[in-house]
């Protein structure tokens, strides 16, 4: 079992990753993250939701996304999301199937 200090360091690293994705690199699209790394901001918010649910905390997808993004998904899309081209969409289908669908 990790020590309290290790848990705090992990939480700090997660918060820094969240800040990096939500403030420093809003130009990086979720579809590109998924295509290259097999996860994106939505995955991180889903993992947040799953961790809450595993601990008996009721949290839905929209609530988790709003907590992670610091805004609603509609606000994020309006402010930062760009349209994906056909090749990005095709790569996303493969990445999603490989990393999300089978879990």
N, C-alpha and C. Protein backbone atom coordinates (compact mmCIF):
# COMPACT_ATOMS: atom_id res chain seq x y z
N UNK A 1 0.85 -1.19 0.00
CA UNK A 1 0.00 0.00 0.00
C UNK A 1 0.89 1.25 0.00
N UNK A 2 0.57 2.21 -0.87
CA UNK A 2 1.39 3.41 -0.92
C UNK A 2 1.30 4.22 0.37
N UNK A 3 2.38 4.90 0.69
CA UNK A 3 2.39 5.76 1.87
C UNK A 3 1.55 7.01 1.59
N UNK A 4 1.20 7.73 2.63
CA UNK A 4 0.44 8.97 2.47
C UNK A 4 1.23 9.96 1.61
N UNK A 5 2.54 10.00 1.80
CA UNK A 5 3.36 10.90 1.00
C UNK A 5 3.31 10.54 -0.48
N UNK A 6 3.37 9.25 -0.79
CA UNK A 6 3.30 8.82 -2.17
C UNK A 6 1.95 9.17 -2.78
N UNK A 7 0.88 8.99 -2.03
CA UNK A 7 -0.46 9.35 -2.51
C UNK A 7 -0.53 10.86 -2.79
N UNK A 8 0.04 11.65 -1.92
CA UNK A 8 0.04 13.10 -2.10
C UNK A 8 0.84 13.51 -3.34
N UNK A 9 1.97 12.84 -3.56
CA UNK A 9 2.78 13.13 -4.74
C UNK A 9 2.06 12.71 -6.02
N UNK A 10 1.40 11.56 -5.99
CA UNK A 10 0.62 11.12 -7.14
C UNK A 10 -0.51 12.12 -7.43
N UNK A 11 -1.18 12.57 -6.38
CA UNK A 11 -2.27 13.54 -6.56
C UNK A 11 -1.73 14.86 -7.13
N UNK A 12 -0.57 15.29 -6.67
CA UNK A 12 0.03 16.52 -7.18
C UNK A 12 0.40 16.37 -8.66
N UNK A 13 0.93 15.21 -9.02
CA UNK A 13 1.29 14.97 -10.42
C UNK A 13 0.03 14.95 -11.28
N UNK A 14 -1.05 14.35 -10.79
CA UNK A 14 -2.31 14.34 -11.52
C UNK A 14 -2.83 15.76 -11.71
N UNK A 15 -2.78 16.57 -10.65
CA UNK A 15 -3.26 17.95 -10.76
C UNK A 15 -2.44 18.73 -11.78
N UNK A 16 -1.14 18.48 -11.82
CA UNK A 16 -0.28 19.17 -12.79
C UNK A 16 -0.60 18.72 -14.22
N UNK A 17 -0.85 17.43 -14.41
CA UNK A 17 -1.26 16.92 -15.71
C UNK A 17 -2.57 17.57 -16.13
N UNK A 18 -3.51 17.64 -15.21
CA UNK A 18 -4.81 18.26 -15.50
C UNK A 18 -4.62 19.72 -15.90
N UNK A 19 -3.81 20.46 -15.15
CA UNK A 19 -3.55 21.87 -15.47
C UNK A 19 -2.89 21.99 -16.85
N UNK A 20 -1.94 21.12 -17.12
CA UNK A 20 -1.25 21.15 -18.40
C UNK A 20 -2.24 20.97 -19.55
N UNK A 21 -3.13 20.00 -19.42
CA UNK A 21 -4.10 19.72 -20.48
C UNK A 21 -5.21 20.75 -20.57
N UNK A 22 -5.60 21.32 -19.43
CA UNK A 22 -6.76 22.21 -19.41
C UNK A 22 -6.41 23.69 -19.56
N UNK A 23 -5.16 24.04 -19.24
CA UNK A 23 -4.77 25.45 -19.29
C UNK A 23 -3.60 25.71 -20.24
N UNK A 24 -2.58 24.87 -20.15
CA UNK A 24 -1.36 25.13 -20.90
C UNK A 24 -1.45 24.66 -22.36
N UNK A 25 -2.17 23.58 -22.62
CA UNK A 25 -2.20 22.98 -23.96
C UNK A 25 -3.63 22.74 -24.44
N UNK A 26 -4.44 23.78 -24.37
CA UNK A 26 -5.81 23.66 -24.87
C UNK A 26 -5.82 23.45 -26.38
N UNK A 27 -4.70 23.73 -27.04
CA UNK A 27 -4.60 23.55 -28.49
C UNK A 27 -4.54 22.07 -28.88
N UNK A 28 -4.14 21.22 -27.98
CA UNK A 28 -4.04 19.79 -28.27
C UNK A 28 -5.44 19.19 -28.21
N UNK A 29 -5.86 18.60 -29.32
CA UNK A 29 -7.20 18.06 -29.43
C UNK A 29 -7.29 16.67 -28.80
N UNK A 30 -8.44 16.37 -28.20
CA UNK A 30 -8.67 15.04 -27.63
C UNK A 30 -8.48 13.94 -28.66
N UNK A 31 -8.95 14.16 -29.87
CA UNK A 31 -8.84 13.12 -30.89
C UNK A 31 -7.38 12.81 -31.19
N UNK A 32 -6.53 13.83 -31.18
CA UNK A 32 -5.10 13.59 -31.43
C UNK A 32 -4.46 12.85 -30.26
N UNK A 33 -4.86 13.21 -29.04
CA UNK A 33 -4.34 12.50 -27.86
C UNK A 33 -4.73 11.03 -27.92
N UNK A 34 -5.99 10.76 -28.24
CA UNK A 34 -6.46 9.38 -28.31
C UNK A 34 -5.73 8.62 -29.41
N UNK A 35 -5.56 9.26 -30.54
CA UNK A 35 -4.91 8.59 -31.66
C UNK A 35 -3.44 8.30 -31.38
N UNK A 36 -2.77 9.17 -30.64
CA UNK A 36 -1.34 8.99 -30.37
C UNK A 36 -1.06 8.21 -29.08
N UNK A 37 -1.85 8.47 -28.06
CA UNK A 37 -1.53 7.92 -26.73
C UNK A 37 -2.54 6.89 -26.23
N UNK A 38 -3.70 6.80 -26.86
CA UNK A 38 -4.70 5.84 -26.42
C UNK A 38 -5.55 6.32 -25.26
N UNK A 39 -5.43 7.60 -24.92
CA UNK A 39 -6.29 8.20 -23.91
C UNK A 39 -6.39 9.69 -24.19
N UNK A 40 -7.41 10.32 -23.59
CA UNK A 40 -7.60 11.76 -23.77
C UNK A 40 -8.21 12.35 -22.49
N UNK A 41 -8.58 13.59 -22.55
CA UNK A 41 -9.19 14.25 -21.40
C UNK A 41 -10.46 13.53 -20.96
N UNK A 42 -11.25 13.06 -21.92
CA UNK A 42 -12.48 12.33 -21.58
C UNK A 42 -12.16 11.05 -20.83
N UNK A 43 -11.10 10.37 -21.22
CA UNK A 43 -10.69 9.15 -20.51
C UNK A 43 -10.32 9.50 -19.07
N UNK A 44 -9.55 10.57 -18.90
CA UNK A 44 -9.15 10.97 -17.55
C UNK A 44 -10.38 11.30 -16.70
N UNK A 45 -11.36 11.97 -17.28
CA UNK A 45 -12.57 12.27 -16.50
C UNK A 45 -13.35 10.99 -16.21
N UNK A 46 -13.34 10.03 -17.14
CA UNK A 46 -14.02 8.75 -16.90
C UNK A 46 -13.32 7.98 -15.79
N UNK A 47 -12.00 8.00 -15.77
CA UNK A 47 -11.25 7.31 -14.71
C UNK A 47 -11.53 7.97 -13.36
N UNK A 48 -11.70 9.27 -13.36
CA UNK A 48 -12.06 10.02 -12.15
C UNK A 48 -13.44 9.54 -11.66
N UNK A 49 -14.38 9.44 -12.60
CA UNK A 49 -15.74 8.96 -12.28
C UNK A 49 -15.69 7.54 -11.74
N UNK A 50 -14.95 6.66 -12.41
CA UNK A 50 -14.86 5.27 -11.97
C UNK A 50 -14.27 5.17 -10.57
N UNK A 51 -13.24 5.97 -10.28
CA UNK A 51 -12.63 5.95 -8.94
C UNK A 51 -13.65 6.40 -7.90
N UNK A 52 -14.43 7.42 -8.23
CA UNK A 52 -15.46 7.89 -7.30
C UNK A 52 -16.51 6.80 -7.08
N UNK A 53 -17.00 6.21 -8.16
CA UNK A 53 -18.03 5.17 -8.07
C UNK A 53 -17.55 3.96 -7.28
N UNK A 54 -16.28 3.57 -7.47
CA UNK A 54 -15.71 2.45 -6.73
C UNK A 54 -15.67 2.70 -5.22
N UNK A 55 -15.67 3.98 -4.87
CA UNK A 55 -15.64 4.36 -3.45
C UNK A 55 -17.01 4.73 -2.91
N UNK A 56 -18.05 4.39 -3.68
CA UNK A 56 -19.42 4.63 -3.24
C UNK A 56 -19.89 6.05 -3.44
N UNK A 57 -19.16 6.84 -4.20
CA UNK A 57 -19.55 8.22 -4.49
C UNK A 57 -20.27 8.23 -5.84
N UNK A 58 -21.53 8.62 -5.83
CA UNK A 58 -22.28 8.67 -7.07
C UNK A 58 -21.81 9.84 -7.92
N UNK A 59 -21.41 9.54 -9.14
CA UNK A 59 -20.96 10.57 -10.06
C UNK A 59 -21.21 10.08 -11.47
N UNK A 60 -21.90 10.90 -12.24
CA UNK A 60 -22.16 10.56 -13.63
C UNK A 60 -21.09 11.10 -14.55
N UNK A 61 -21.17 10.72 -15.82
CA UNK A 61 -20.19 11.12 -16.82
C UNK A 61 -20.12 12.65 -16.96
N UNK A 62 -21.26 13.30 -17.06
CA UNK A 62 -21.26 14.75 -17.25
C UNK A 62 -20.67 15.47 -16.04
N UNK A 63 -21.00 15.00 -14.84
CA UNK A 63 -20.46 15.62 -13.63
C UNK A 63 -18.94 15.45 -13.57
N UNK A 64 -18.46 14.26 -13.89
CA UNK A 64 -17.02 14.00 -13.87
C UNK A 64 -16.31 14.87 -14.90
N UNK A 65 -16.89 14.98 -16.08
CA UNK A 65 -16.27 15.82 -17.11
C UNK A 65 -16.22 17.27 -16.66
N UNK A 66 -17.30 17.76 -16.08
CA UNK A 66 -17.32 19.15 -15.64
C UNK A 66 -16.29 19.39 -14.54
N UNK A 67 -16.14 18.42 -13.63
CA UNK A 67 -15.13 18.55 -12.59
C UNK A 67 -13.72 18.54 -13.17
N UNK A 68 -13.47 17.65 -14.14
CA UNK A 68 -12.14 17.57 -14.73
C UNK A 68 -11.85 18.78 -15.62
N UNK A 69 -12.80 19.12 -16.49
CA UNK A 69 -12.60 20.21 -17.43
C UNK A 69 -12.70 21.60 -16.78
N UNK A 70 -13.39 21.68 -15.67
CA UNK A 70 -13.60 22.99 -15.05
C UNK A 70 -14.69 23.79 -15.77
N UNK A 71 -15.43 23.12 -16.62
CA UNK A 71 -16.51 23.74 -17.39
C UNK A 71 -17.32 22.60 -18.01
N UNK A 72 -18.45 22.93 -18.58
CA UNK A 72 -19.24 21.89 -19.23
C UNK A 72 -18.55 21.47 -20.53
N UNK A 73 -18.91 20.30 -21.01
CA UNK A 73 -18.37 19.81 -22.27
C UNK A 73 -18.73 20.75 -23.40
N UNK A 74 -19.95 21.27 -23.39
CA UNK A 74 -20.37 22.21 -24.43
C UNK A 74 -19.50 23.46 -24.43
N UNK A 75 -19.15 23.96 -23.24
CA UNK A 75 -18.27 25.13 -23.16
C UNK A 75 -16.88 24.80 -23.71
N UNK A 76 -16.34 23.63 -23.33
CA UNK A 76 -15.03 23.22 -23.82
C UNK A 76 -15.03 23.15 -25.35
N UNK A 77 -16.05 22.49 -25.89
CA UNK A 77 -16.12 22.33 -27.35
C UNK A 77 -16.20 23.69 -28.04
N UNK A 78 -17.02 24.58 -27.52
CA UNK A 78 -17.18 25.90 -28.13
C UNK A 78 -15.88 26.71 -28.08
N UNK A 79 -15.13 26.56 -27.00
CA UNK A 79 -13.92 27.36 -26.81
C UNK A 79 -12.67 26.76 -27.44
N UNK A 80 -12.57 25.43 -27.49
CA UNK A 80 -11.28 24.82 -27.83
C UNK A 80 -11.31 23.73 -28.90
N UNK A 81 -12.42 23.06 -29.08
CA UNK A 81 -12.43 21.92 -30.00
C UNK A 81 -12.56 22.36 -31.44
N UNK A 82 -11.75 21.74 -32.29
CA UNK A 82 -11.81 22.00 -33.72
C UNK A 82 -12.39 20.78 -34.42
N UNK A 83 -12.81 20.95 -35.65
CA UNK A 83 -13.36 19.84 -36.41
C UNK A 83 -12.25 18.86 -36.78
N UNK A 84 -12.57 17.59 -36.69
CA UNK A 84 -11.63 16.54 -37.07
C UNK A 84 -11.80 16.21 -38.54
N UNK A 85 -10.67 15.91 -39.19
CA UNK A 85 -10.76 15.50 -40.58
C UNK A 85 -10.99 13.99 -40.67
N UNK A 86 -11.19 13.51 -41.88
CA UNK A 86 -11.54 12.10 -42.10
C UNK A 86 -10.45 11.16 -41.59
N UNK A 87 -9.19 11.50 -41.79
CA UNK A 87 -8.11 10.61 -41.34
C UNK A 87 -8.05 10.56 -39.81
N UNK A 88 -8.29 11.68 -39.15
CA UNK A 88 -8.33 11.69 -37.68
C UNK A 88 -9.47 10.82 -37.17
N UNK A 89 -10.62 10.93 -37.81
CA UNK A 89 -11.78 10.14 -37.40
C UNK A 89 -11.54 8.65 -37.59
N UNK A 90 -10.92 8.29 -38.68
CA UNK A 90 -10.62 6.88 -38.94
C UNK A 90 -9.62 6.34 -37.92
N UNK A 91 -8.59 7.11 -37.63
CA UNK A 91 -7.60 6.70 -36.63
C UNK A 91 -8.25 6.61 -35.25
N UNK A 92 -9.19 7.51 -34.97
CA UNK A 92 -9.88 7.49 -33.68
C UNK A 92 -10.67 6.20 -33.49
N UNK A 93 -11.37 5.76 -34.53
CA UNK A 93 -12.14 4.52 -34.43
C UNK A 93 -11.24 3.37 -33.99
N UNK A 94 -10.07 3.28 -34.60
CA UNK A 94 -9.12 2.22 -34.25
C UNK A 94 -8.60 2.39 -32.83
N UNK A 95 -8.23 3.61 -32.47
CA UNK A 95 -7.69 3.86 -31.13
C UNK A 95 -8.75 3.60 -30.06
N UNK A 96 -9.98 4.03 -30.33
CA UNK A 96 -11.07 3.83 -29.38
C UNK A 96 -11.33 2.34 -29.18
N UNK A 97 -11.41 1.61 -30.28
CA UNK A 97 -11.63 0.16 -30.18
C UNK A 97 -10.52 -0.52 -29.41
N UNK A 98 -9.28 -0.12 -29.65
CA UNK A 98 -8.13 -0.75 -29.00
C UNK A 98 -8.00 -0.38 -27.53
N UNK A 99 -8.42 0.83 -27.17
CA UNK A 99 -8.14 1.32 -25.82
C UNK A 99 -9.35 1.50 -24.92
N UNK A 100 -10.53 1.59 -25.48
CA UNK A 100 -11.71 1.86 -24.65
C UNK A 100 -12.76 0.76 -24.79
N UNK A 101 -13.11 0.40 -25.99
CA UNK A 101 -14.22 -0.53 -26.23
C UNK A 101 -14.04 -1.88 -25.57
N UNK A 102 -12.84 -2.38 -25.52
CA UNK A 102 -12.59 -3.73 -25.01
C UNK A 102 -12.40 -3.78 -23.51
N UNK A 103 -12.52 -2.68 -22.84
CA UNK A 103 -12.29 -2.65 -21.39
C UNK A 103 -13.57 -2.85 -20.64
